[in-house]
Amino acid sequence: MKFLLALLLIFSSSAFSGEKISEAVLREIGGTKKVMLKDIAKGDLVVLVAYGLECPILRKHTPVLRAMVEKYSKKNVSFIFINAIKSSTDDEILANNKDYFVGNTVYEGKQPPLLKELNFTVLSEVAVVKLSSNEVLYKGSINNQMTFDVTREKATQHYLDDALNSALSNKKLSLTKTKTFGCDITY
């Protein structure tokens, strides 16, 4: 089984060259304010996270995400959490964020729906975007700690962390796409 999982990860990490996103309009949860992605980012790199804490895998990743938000905000990397659960009300999303605190603000993607444009399929999927070119540098899993049939005490591969370190050092990313495990997103 581990061999099959390794093959799946290798296969899903094949060439992922220069996918671009359009200018994204987001609505701040708990308000009516609409903002452009580039206007809320601190710097050129942004991590987009498919958010919805109803998902147990995303809940388990919350401490890792909190630590990454803290670590990379000092390097002007913004983490933007985008609600992917259509049935969640603003009050429910804000309550979840208060309980699990993954970021200061959660947004909802509008025209175009950003997560759909990125072909995100599950909650906890992430993308690293270089805003100056709107290029997706990495898309996939946060790390390899959890899959549907494996939960490690600690991650042995840190995909998002590695992608951010390479991007911040202007190095070519060794891995640009991985398989993500989480709860399905329905559009």
N, C-alpha and C. Protein backbone atom coordinates (compact mmCIF):
# COMPACT_ATOMS: atom_id res chain seq x y z
N MET A 1 0.82 -1.19 0.00
CA MET A 1 0.00 0.00 0.00
C MET A 1 0.88 1.27 0.00
N LYS A 2 1.94 1.24 0.81
CA LYS A 2 2.83 2.40 0.84
C LYS A 2 3.48 2.63 -0.52
N PHE A 3 3.81 1.55 -1.21
CA PHE A 3 4.40 1.66 -2.54
C PHE A 3 3.43 2.33 -3.51
N LEU A 4 2.16 1.91 -3.46
CA LEU A 4 1.16 2.51 -4.33
C LEU A 4 0.97 3.99 -4.03
N LEU A 5 0.98 4.35 -2.75
CA LEU A 5 0.85 5.75 -2.36
C LEU A 5 2.05 6.55 -2.87
N ALA A 6 3.24 5.99 -2.76
CA ALA A 6 4.44 6.68 -3.25
C ALA A 6 4.35 6.89 -4.76
N LEU A 7 3.90 5.86 -5.50
CA LEU A 7 3.73 6.01 -6.94
C LEU A 7 2.71 7.08 -7.28
N LEU A 8 1.61 7.11 -6.52
CA LEU A 8 0.57 8.12 -6.74
C LEU A 8 1.13 9.51 -6.53
N LEU A 9 1.91 9.71 -5.48
CA LEU A 9 2.49 11.02 -5.20
C LEU A 9 3.48 11.41 -6.29
N ILE A 10 4.28 10.48 -6.75
CA ILE A 10 5.24 10.78 -7.80
C ILE A 10 4.51 11.11 -9.09
N PHE A 11 3.52 10.30 -9.44
CA PHE A 11 2.76 10.53 -10.66
C PHE A 11 2.05 11.88 -10.61
N SER A 12 1.45 12.21 -9.46
CA SER A 12 0.71 13.46 -9.36
C SER A 12 1.62 14.67 -9.27
N SER A 13 2.92 14.46 -9.08
CA SER A 13 3.84 15.59 -8.99
C SER A 13 4.53 15.87 -10.32
N SER A 14 4.05 15.25 -11.37
CA SER A 14 4.66 15.47 -12.67
C SER A 14 4.51 16.93 -13.11
N ALA A 15 5.05 17.24 -14.23
CA ALA A 15 5.14 18.62 -14.72
C ALA A 15 3.90 19.46 -14.42
N PHE A 16 4.16 20.58 -13.89
CA PHE A 16 3.11 21.53 -13.52
C PHE A 16 3.66 22.90 -13.86
N SER A 17 3.60 23.23 -15.12
CA SER A 17 4.35 24.40 -15.56
C SER A 17 3.47 25.63 -15.72
N GLY A 18 3.73 26.59 -14.91
CA GLY A 18 3.24 27.94 -15.09
C GLY A 18 1.74 28.17 -15.17
N GLU A 19 0.95 27.36 -14.51
CA GLU A 19 -0.48 27.65 -14.49
C GLU A 19 -0.67 29.06 -13.93
N LYS A 20 -1.60 29.79 -14.51
CA LYS A 20 -1.86 31.17 -14.07
C LYS A 20 -3.27 31.27 -13.55
N ILE A 21 -3.48 32.24 -12.67
CA ILE A 21 -4.83 32.53 -12.20
C ILE A 21 -5.20 33.94 -12.64
N SER A 22 -6.49 34.19 -12.70
CA SER A 22 -6.95 35.53 -13.07
C SER A 22 -6.98 36.41 -11.82
N GLU A 23 -7.25 37.67 -12.01
CA GLU A 23 -7.40 38.59 -10.88
C GLU A 23 -8.61 38.13 -10.05
N ALA A 24 -8.39 37.83 -8.81
CA ALA A 24 -9.46 37.26 -7.99
C ALA A 24 -10.11 38.33 -7.11
N VAL A 25 -11.44 38.29 -7.08
CA VAL A 25 -12.21 39.15 -6.19
C VAL A 25 -12.72 38.28 -5.05
N LEU A 26 -12.44 38.71 -3.83
CA LEU A 26 -12.83 37.95 -2.64
C LEU A 26 -13.71 38.79 -1.75
N ARG A 27 -14.63 38.13 -1.05
CA ARG A 27 -15.46 38.82 -0.07
C ARG A 27 -15.01 38.40 1.32
N GLU A 28 -14.80 39.39 2.18
CA GLU A 28 -14.41 39.11 3.56
C GLU A 28 -15.60 38.49 4.29
N ILE A 29 -15.36 37.35 4.93
CA ILE A 29 -16.42 36.69 5.69
C ILE A 29 -16.79 37.59 6.88
N GLY A 30 -18.08 37.75 7.07
CA GLY A 30 -18.56 38.61 8.15
C GLY A 30 -18.78 40.05 7.71
N GLY A 31 -18.63 40.30 6.44
CA GLY A 31 -18.82 41.65 5.92
C GLY A 31 -19.20 41.62 4.46
N THR A 32 -19.32 42.78 3.89
CA THR A 32 -19.68 42.86 2.48
C THR A 32 -18.53 43.37 1.63
N LYS A 33 -17.43 43.73 2.29
CA LYS A 33 -16.28 44.29 1.61
C LYS A 33 -15.71 43.28 0.61
N LYS A 34 -15.52 43.73 -0.62
CA LYS A 34 -14.90 42.90 -1.65
C LYS A 34 -13.53 43.47 -1.94
N VAL A 35 -12.57 42.56 -2.05
CA VAL A 35 -11.19 42.98 -2.24
C VAL A 35 -10.54 42.13 -3.33
N MET A 36 -9.51 42.68 -3.92
CA MET A 36 -8.70 41.93 -4.88
C MET A 36 -7.63 41.18 -4.10
N LEU A 37 -7.30 40.00 -4.56
CA LEU A 37 -6.28 39.19 -3.91
C LEU A 37 -4.99 39.98 -3.72
N LYS A 38 -4.57 40.68 -4.76
CA LYS A 38 -3.30 41.41 -4.70
C LYS A 38 -3.35 42.56 -3.68
N ASP A 39 -4.54 43.05 -3.35
CA ASP A 39 -4.66 44.16 -2.41
C ASP A 39 -4.58 43.74 -0.95
N ILE A 40 -4.77 42.46 -0.67
CA ILE A 40 -4.72 42.01 0.73
C ILE A 40 -3.43 41.26 1.04
N ALA A 41 -2.61 41.04 0.02
CA ALA A 41 -1.35 40.33 0.22
C ALA A 41 -0.28 41.28 0.73
N LYS A 42 0.58 40.75 1.60
CA LYS A 42 1.69 41.54 2.14
C LYS A 42 2.84 41.65 1.16
N GLY A 43 3.03 40.61 0.37
CA GLY A 43 4.16 40.59 -0.55
C GLY A 43 3.77 39.87 -1.83
N ASP A 44 4.77 39.38 -2.53
CA ASP A 44 4.54 38.76 -3.83
C ASP A 44 4.05 37.31 -3.73
N LEU A 45 4.33 36.63 -2.62
CA LEU A 45 3.92 35.23 -2.47
C LEU A 45 2.68 35.13 -1.59
N VAL A 46 1.73 34.32 -2.07
CA VAL A 46 0.49 34.09 -1.34
C VAL A 46 0.23 32.59 -1.31
N VAL A 47 -0.20 32.11 -0.14
CA VAL A 47 -0.64 30.73 -0.02
C VAL A 47 -2.16 30.76 0.07
N LEU A 48 -2.81 30.11 -0.87
CA LEU A 48 -4.27 30.00 -0.87
C LEU A 48 -4.62 28.65 -0.27
N VAL A 49 -5.54 28.66 0.69
CA VAL A 49 -5.92 27.43 1.39
C VAL A 49 -7.41 27.20 1.22
N ALA A 50 -7.79 26.01 0.73
CA ALA A 50 -9.20 25.64 0.66
C ALA A 50 -9.65 25.35 2.09
N TYR A 51 -10.53 26.19 2.59
CA TYR A 51 -10.88 26.23 4.01
C TYR A 51 -12.28 25.70 4.25
N GLY A 52 -12.43 25.00 5.33
CA GLY A 52 -13.72 24.50 5.77
C GLY A 52 -13.45 23.53 6.90
N LEU A 53 -13.51 24.01 8.11
CA LEU A 53 -13.06 23.20 9.24
C LEU A 53 -14.02 22.07 9.61
N GLU A 54 -15.04 21.85 8.80
CA GLU A 54 -15.86 20.68 8.99
C GLU A 54 -15.08 19.41 8.64
N CYS A 55 -13.99 19.58 7.93
CA CYS A 55 -13.17 18.46 7.47
C CYS A 55 -12.17 18.05 8.54
N PRO A 56 -12.21 16.79 8.99
CA PRO A 56 -11.29 16.34 10.04
C PRO A 56 -9.82 16.44 9.64
N ILE A 57 -9.50 16.20 8.38
CA ILE A 57 -8.09 16.30 7.95
C ILE A 57 -7.61 17.74 8.04
N LEU A 58 -8.44 18.68 7.63
CA LEU A 58 -8.05 20.09 7.74
C LEU A 58 -7.93 20.49 9.21
N ARG A 59 -8.82 20.01 10.04
CA ARG A 59 -8.71 20.31 11.48
C ARG A 59 -7.39 19.81 12.05
N LYS A 60 -6.96 18.62 11.62
CA LYS A 60 -5.70 18.06 12.10
C LYS A 60 -4.50 18.85 11.58
N HIS A 61 -4.65 19.49 10.43
CA HIS A 61 -3.57 20.31 9.87
C HIS A 61 -3.51 21.72 10.49
N THR A 62 -4.52 22.08 11.26
CA THR A 62 -4.60 23.44 11.79
C THR A 62 -3.36 23.88 12.55
N PRO A 63 -2.80 23.08 13.47
CA PRO A 63 -1.58 23.55 14.17
C PRO A 63 -0.42 23.81 13.21
N VAL A 64 -0.28 23.00 12.19
CA VAL A 64 0.79 23.20 11.20
C VAL A 64 0.56 24.50 10.45
N LEU A 65 -0.69 24.73 10.04
CA LEU A 65 -1.01 25.97 9.33
C LEU A 65 -0.78 27.19 10.21
N ARG A 66 -1.18 27.12 11.47
CA ARG A 66 -0.94 28.24 12.39
C ARG A 66 0.55 28.55 12.48
N ALA A 67 1.36 27.52 12.63
CA ALA A 67 2.81 27.72 12.74
C ALA A 67 3.38 28.31 11.46
N MET A 68 2.86 27.87 10.32
CA MET A 68 3.35 28.40 9.05
C MET A 68 2.94 29.84 8.84
N VAL A 69 1.72 30.18 9.23
CA VAL A 69 1.26 31.57 9.14
C VAL A 69 2.21 32.46 9.95
N GLU A 70 2.53 32.03 11.15
CA GLU A 70 3.42 32.82 12.02
C GLU A 70 4.82 32.92 11.43
N LYS A 71 5.36 31.80 10.98
CA LYS A 71 6.73 31.77 10.42
C LYS A 71 6.85 32.61 9.16
N TYR A 72 5.93 32.44 8.23
CA TYR A 72 6.07 33.08 6.92
C TYR A 72 5.51 34.49 6.86
N SER A 73 4.68 34.88 7.81
CA SER A 73 4.22 36.27 7.79
C SER A 73 5.40 37.21 8.04
N LYS A 74 6.41 36.72 8.75
CA LYS A 74 7.63 37.51 8.98
C LYS A 74 8.44 37.67 7.69
N LYS A 75 8.12 36.85 6.69
CA LYS A 75 8.82 36.91 5.41
C LYS A 75 7.91 37.47 4.32
N ASN A 76 6.85 38.17 4.75
CA ASN A 76 5.88 38.81 3.84
C ASN A 76 5.13 37.84 2.93
N VAL A 77 4.91 36.64 3.41
CA VAL A 77 4.07 35.68 2.71
C VAL A 77 2.70 35.73 3.36
N SER A 78 1.68 35.88 2.54
CA SER A 78 0.31 35.93 3.06
C SER A 78 -0.37 34.58 2.90
N PHE A 79 -1.13 34.21 3.90
CA PHE A 79 -1.97 33.01 3.83
C PHE A 79 -3.41 33.50 3.73
N ILE A 80 -4.07 33.10 2.68
CA ILE A 80 -5.45 33.50 2.44
C ILE A 80 -6.32 32.24 2.51
N PHE A 81 -7.20 32.21 3.47
CA PHE A 81 -8.09 31.07 3.67
C PHE A 81 -9.40 31.36 2.96
N ILE A 82 -9.75 30.49 2.02
CA ILE A 82 -10.94 30.71 1.20
C ILE A 82 -11.97 29.63 1.52
N ASN A 83 -13.13 30.07 2.00
CA ASN A 83 -14.18 29.13 2.36
C ASN A 83 -14.61 28.33 1.14
N ALA A 84 -14.66 27.01 1.32
CA ALA A 84 -15.06 26.13 0.23
C ALA A 84 -16.36 25.39 0.54
N ILE A 85 -16.98 25.71 1.66
CA ILE A 85 -18.23 25.06 2.06
C ILE A 85 -19.37 26.03 1.79
N LYS A 86 -20.09 25.80 0.73
CA LYS A 86 -21.16 26.72 0.33
C LYS A 86 -22.27 26.84 1.38
N SER A 87 -22.52 25.76 2.12
CA SER A 87 -23.63 25.77 3.08
C SER A 87 -23.29 26.47 4.39
N SER A 88 -22.02 26.78 4.62
CA SER A 88 -21.62 27.44 5.87
C SER A 88 -22.04 28.90 5.87
N THR A 89 -22.61 29.33 6.97
CA THR A 89 -22.96 30.75 7.10
C THR A 89 -21.73 31.51 7.57
N ASP A 90 -21.76 32.82 7.41
CA ASP A 90 -20.65 33.65 7.88
C ASP A 90 -20.43 33.45 9.38
N ASP A 91 -21.51 33.38 10.15
CA ASP A 91 -21.38 33.20 11.60
C ASP A 91 -20.70 31.87 11.94
N GLU A 92 -21.06 30.81 11.22
CA GLU A 92 -20.43 29.50 11.46
C GLU A 92 -18.94 29.53 11.11
N ILE A 93 -18.62 30.18 10.01
CA ILE A 93 -17.22 30.26 9.60
C ILE A 93 -16.41 31.06 10.62
N LEU A 94 -16.95 32.18 11.07
CA LEU A 94 -16.25 33.00 12.07
C LEU A 94 -16.09 32.26 13.39
N ALA A 95 -17.11 31.50 13.79
CA ALA A 95 -17.02 30.72 15.03
C ALA A 95 -15.94 29.64 14.91
N ASN A 96 -15.90 28.94 13.76
CA ASN A 96 -14.85 27.94 13.54
C ASN A 96 -13.48 28.57 13.56
N ASN A 97 -13.36 29.73 12.93
CA ASN A 97 -12.06 30.40 12.89
C ASN A 97 -11.64 30.84 14.29
N LYS A 98 -12.60 31.25 15.10
CA LYS A 98 -12.29 31.65 16.48
C LYS A 98 -11.81 30.43 17.28
N ASP A 99 -12.48 29.30 17.08
CA ASP A 99 -12.10 28.08 17.81
C ASP A 99 -10.77 27.51 17.36
N TYR A 100 -10.51 27.55 16.05
CA TYR A 100 -9.32 26.90 15.51
C TYR A 100 -8.26 27.87 15.04
N PHE A 101 -8.57 29.12 14.98
CA PHE A 101 -7.74 30.22 14.53
C PHE A 101 -6.61 29.82 13.58
N VAL A 102 -6.90 29.88 12.31
CA VAL A 102 -5.89 29.61 11.29
C VAL A 102 -5.42 30.88 10.59
N GLY A 103 -6.17 31.93 10.71
CA GLY A 103 -5.78 33.17 10.06
C GLY A 103 -6.64 34.30 10.54
N ASN A 104 -6.19 35.50 10.31
CA ASN A 104 -6.95 36.66 10.76
C ASN A 104 -8.28 36.78 10.06
N THR A 105 -8.31 36.46 8.78
CA THR A 105 -9.52 36.66 8.00
C THR A 105 -9.72 35.50 7.05
N VAL A 106 -10.96 35.15 6.86
CA VAL A 106 -11.32 34.12 5.90
C VAL A 106 -12.12 34.81 4.81
N TYR A 107 -11.91 34.39 3.57
CA TYR A 107 -12.58 35.00 2.44
C TYR A 107 -13.41 33.99 1.69
N GLU A 108 -14.26 34.51 0.87
CA GLU A 108 -15.06 33.68 -0.02
C GLU A 108 -14.75 34.12 -1.44
N GLY A 109 -14.44 33.17 -2.28
CA GLY A 109 -14.09 33.49 -3.67
C GLY A 109 -15.32 33.82 -4.49
N LYS A 110 -15.27 34.92 -5.19
CA LYS A 110 -16.36 35.35 -6.06
C LYS A 110 -15.80 35.78 -7.41
N GLN A 111 -16.51 35.52 -8.42
CA GLN A 111 -16.31 36.00 -9.79
C GLN A 111 -14.88 36.35 -10.15
N PRO A 112 -14.03 35.47 -10.61
CA PRO A 112 -14.32 34.06 -10.78
C PRO A 112 -14.13 33.30 -9.48
N PRO A 113 -14.83 32.18 -9.33
CA PRO A 113 -14.62 31.40 -8.10
C PRO A 113 -13.21 30.81 -8.12
N LEU A 114 -12.37 31.36 -7.30
CA LEU A 114 -10.93 31.09 -7.35
C LEU A 114 -10.59 29.61 -7.13
N LEU A 115 -11.22 28.97 -6.18
CA LEU A 115 -10.88 27.57 -5.93
C LEU A 115 -11.24 26.68 -7.12
N LYS A 116 -12.34 27.00 -7.77
CA LYS A 116 -12.74 26.24 -8.95
C LYS A 116 -11.76 26.49 -10.09
N GLU A 117 -11.35 27.74 -10.23
CA GLU A 117 -10.37 28.08 -11.27
C GLU A 117 -9.07 27.30 -11.06
N LEU A 118 -8.68 27.12 -9.80
CA LEU A 118 -7.47 26.38 -9.48
C LEU A 118 -7.66 24.86 -9.54
N ASN A 119 -8.89 24.44 -9.81
CA ASN A 119 -9.23 23.01 -9.83
C ASN A 119 -8.97 22.33 -8.50
N PHE A 120 -9.18 23.06 -7.42
CA PHE A 120 -9.08 22.45 -6.10
C PHE A 120 -10.22 21.44 -5.96
N THR A 121 -9.91 20.29 -5.41
CA THR A 121 -10.93 19.25 -5.28
C THR A 121 -11.25 18.90 -3.83
N VAL A 122 -10.33 19.21 -2.91
CA VAL A 122 -10.55 18.85 -1.51
C VAL A 122 -10.14 19.98 -0.57
N LEU A 123 -10.77 19.98 0.60
CA LEU A 123 -10.37 20.91 1.65
C LEU A 123 -8.97 20.55 2.11
N SER A 124 -8.21 21.51 2.49
CA SER A 124 -6.81 21.45 2.91
C SER A 124 -5.85 21.54 1.73
N GLU A 125 -6.37 21.58 0.51
CA GLU A 125 -5.51 21.78 -0.64
C GLU A 125 -4.97 23.21 -0.61
N VAL A 126 -3.73 23.37 -0.99
CA VAL A 126 -3.09 24.69 -0.97
C VAL A 126 -2.45 24.99 -2.32
N ALA A 127 -2.25 26.27 -2.56
CA ALA A 127 -1.50 26.71 -3.75
C ALA A 127 -0.62 27.88 -3.34
N VAL A 128 0.59 27.87 -3.84
CA VAL A 128 1.50 29.01 -3.67
C VAL A 128 1.47 29.78 -4.98
N VAL A 129 1.11 31.06 -4.88
CA VAL A 129 0.96 31.90 -6.06
C VAL A 129 1.93 33.06 -5.98
N LYS A 130 2.60 33.32 -7.08
CA LYS A 130 3.46 34.50 -7.21
C LYS A 130 2.60 35.58 -7.86
N LEU A 131 2.24 36.59 -7.10
CA LEU A 131 1.27 37.58 -7.55
C LEU A 131 1.76 38.46 -8.70
N SER A 132 3.05 38.72 -8.75
CA SER A 132 3.55 39.59 -9.82
C SER A 132 3.28 39.01 -11.20
N SER A 133 3.17 37.70 -11.29
CA SER A 133 2.90 37.04 -12.57
C SER A 133 1.60 36.22 -12.52
N ASN A 134 0.94 36.19 -11.36
CA ASN A 134 -0.25 35.35 -11.15
C ASN A 134 0.02 33.88 -11.44
N GLU A 135 1.26 33.47 -11.27
CA GLU A 135 1.67 32.10 -11.56
C GLU A 135 1.54 31.21 -10.33
N VAL A 136 0.97 30.03 -10.54
CA VAL A 136 0.87 29.03 -9.48
C VAL A 136 2.20 28.27 -9.47
N LEU A 137 2.93 28.39 -8.37
CA LEU A 137 4.23 27.73 -8.25
C LEU A 137 4.11 26.31 -7.70
N TYR A 138 3.14 26.11 -6.81
CA TYR A 138 2.94 24.81 -6.18
C TYR A 138 1.45 24.64 -5.90
N LYS A 139 0.97 23.42 -6.06
CA LYS A 139 -0.41 23.11 -5.72
C LYS A 139 -0.47 21.69 -5.18
N GLY A 140 -1.11 21.55 -4.01
CA GLY A 140 -1.24 20.21 -3.45
C GLY A 140 -1.40 20.20 -1.96
N SER A 141 -0.73 19.26 -1.34
CA SER A 141 -0.87 18.99 0.08
C SER A 141 0.10 19.83 0.92
N ILE A 142 -0.25 20.03 2.16
CA ILE A 142 0.60 20.76 3.11
C ILE A 142 1.83 19.92 3.43
N ASN A 143 1.61 18.64 3.72
CA ASN A 143 2.68 17.70 4.03
C ASN A 143 2.15 16.28 3.85
N ASN A 144 2.92 15.30 4.27
CA ASN A 144 2.48 13.91 4.10
C ASN A 144 2.04 13.26 5.41
N GLN A 145 1.67 14.06 6.39
CA GLN A 145 1.31 13.50 7.68
C GLN A 145 0.03 12.67 7.62
N MET A 146 -0.95 13.11 6.81
CA MET A 146 -2.23 12.41 6.80
C MET A 146 -2.70 12.09 5.39
N THR A 147 -3.16 10.87 5.24
CA THR A 147 -3.90 10.46 4.06
C THR A 147 -5.16 9.78 4.59
N PHE A 148 -5.92 9.17 3.71
CA PHE A 148 -7.13 8.50 4.19
C PHE A 148 -6.81 7.27 5.02
N ASP A 149 -5.70 6.59 4.71
CA ASP A 149 -5.40 5.35 5.43
C ASP A 149 -4.13 5.42 6.28
N VAL A 150 -3.44 6.55 6.27
CA VAL A 150 -2.21 6.69 7.04
C VAL A 150 -2.23 8.01 7.81
N THR A 151 -1.93 7.92 9.10
CA THR A 151 -1.70 9.13 9.88
C THR A 151 -0.39 8.93 10.63
N ARG A 152 0.58 9.74 10.28
CA ARG A 152 1.89 9.66 10.92
C ARG A 152 1.90 10.57 12.15
N GLU A 153 2.72 10.23 13.11
CA GLU A 153 2.86 11.10 14.28
C GLU A 153 3.40 12.46 13.85
N LYS A 154 4.36 12.44 12.93
CA LYS A 154 4.92 13.68 12.38
C LYS A 154 5.09 13.50 10.88
N ALA A 155 4.99 14.58 10.16
CA ALA A 155 5.21 14.54 8.71
C ALA A 155 6.68 14.24 8.44
N THR A 156 6.92 13.50 7.36
CA THR A 156 8.29 13.23 6.93
C THR A 156 8.63 14.04 5.67
N GLN A 157 7.60 14.55 5.01
CA GLN A 157 7.81 15.42 3.85
C GLN A 157 6.96 16.66 4.06
N HIS A 158 7.57 17.81 3.84
CA HIS A 158 6.93 19.10 4.13
C HIS A 158 6.79 19.89 2.82
N TYR A 159 5.84 19.48 2.00
CA TYR A 159 5.70 20.01 0.65
C TYR A 159 5.54 21.53 0.61
N LEU A 160 4.60 22.05 1.39
CA LEU A 160 4.34 23.49 1.36
C LEU A 160 5.54 24.27 1.89
N ASP A 161 6.09 23.82 2.98
CA ASP A 161 7.27 24.47 3.57
C ASP A 161 8.43 24.49 2.56
N ASP A 162 8.67 23.36 1.91
CA ASP A 162 9.75 23.28 0.91
C ASP A 162 9.48 24.23 -0.26
N ALA A 163 8.22 24.27 -0.71
CA ALA A 163 7.88 25.15 -1.84
C ALA A 163 8.11 26.61 -1.47
N LEU A 164 7.69 27.00 -0.27
CA LEU A 164 7.88 28.40 0.15
C LEU A 164 9.35 28.74 0.31
N ASN A 165 10.12 27.85 0.90
CA ASN A 165 11.55 28.11 1.06
C ASN A 165 12.24 28.27 -0.29
N SER A 166 11.90 27.42 -1.25
CA SER A 166 12.49 27.52 -2.59
C SER A 166 12.07 28.82 -3.27
N ALA A 167 10.79 29.13 -3.19
CA ALA A 167 10.28 30.35 -3.84
C ALA A 167 10.92 31.60 -3.23
N LEU A 168 11.05 31.62 -1.92
CA LEU A 168 11.66 32.78 -1.25
C LEU A 168 13.14 32.92 -1.58
N SER A 169 13.79 31.80 -1.91
CA SER A 169 15.21 31.82 -2.27
C SER A 169 15.41 31.94 -3.78
N ASN A 170 14.30 32.12 -4.51
CA ASN A 170 14.34 32.19 -5.98
C ASN A 170 14.98 30.96 -6.61
N LYS A 171 14.73 29.80 -5.98
CA LYS A 171 15.21 28.53 -6.52
C LYS A 171 14.05 27.82 -7.20
N LYS A 172 14.39 26.98 -8.15
CA LYS A 172 13.39 26.18 -8.84
C LYS A 172 12.81 25.17 -7.83
N LEU A 173 11.50 25.05 -7.82
CA LEU A 173 10.86 24.11 -6.92
C LEU A 173 11.09 22.69 -7.41
N SER A 174 11.48 21.81 -6.50
CA SER A 174 11.73 20.42 -6.89
C SER A 174 10.42 19.66 -7.06
N LEU A 175 9.37 20.11 -6.42
CA LEU A 175 8.07 19.46 -6.49
C LEU A 175 7.02 20.55 -6.65
N THR A 176 6.24 20.49 -7.71
CA THR A 176 5.27 21.56 -7.96
C THR A 176 3.83 21.12 -7.76
N LYS A 177 3.60 19.81 -7.64
CA LYS A 177 2.23 19.33 -7.47
C LYS A 177 2.25 18.02 -6.71
N THR A 178 1.35 17.89 -5.74
CA THR A 178 1.19 16.64 -5.00
C THR A 178 -0.28 16.32 -4.87
N LYS A 179 -0.57 15.09 -4.56
CA LYS A 179 -1.93 14.64 -4.29
C LYS A 179 -2.33 15.16 -2.92
N THR A 180 -3.56 15.64 -2.81
CA THR A 180 -4.06 16.15 -1.53
C THR A 180 -5.18 15.26 -1.03
N PHE A 181 -5.18 15.02 0.27
CA PHE A 181 -6.22 14.23 0.90
C PHE A 181 -7.04 15.14 1.79
N GLY A 182 -8.35 15.03 1.70
CA GLY A 182 -9.24 15.85 2.51
C GLY A 182 -10.68 15.59 2.08
N CYS A 183 -11.56 16.41 2.57
CA CYS A 183 -12.98 16.28 2.25
C CYS A 183 -13.25 16.93 0.90
N ASP A 184 -14.09 16.28 0.11
CA ASP A 184 -14.40 16.78 -1.24
C ASP A 184 -15.03 18.17 -1.21
N ILE A 185 -14.66 18.96 -2.20
CA ILE A 185 -15.29 20.25 -2.43
C ILE A 185 -16.33 20.04 -3.52
N THR A 186 -17.53 20.52 -3.32
CA THR A 186 -18.54 20.43 -4.36
C THR A 186 -18.85 21.83 -4.86
N TYR A 187 -18.91 21.99 -6.16
CA TYR A 187 -19.15 23.29 -6.76
C TYR A 187 -20.56 23.36 -7.29
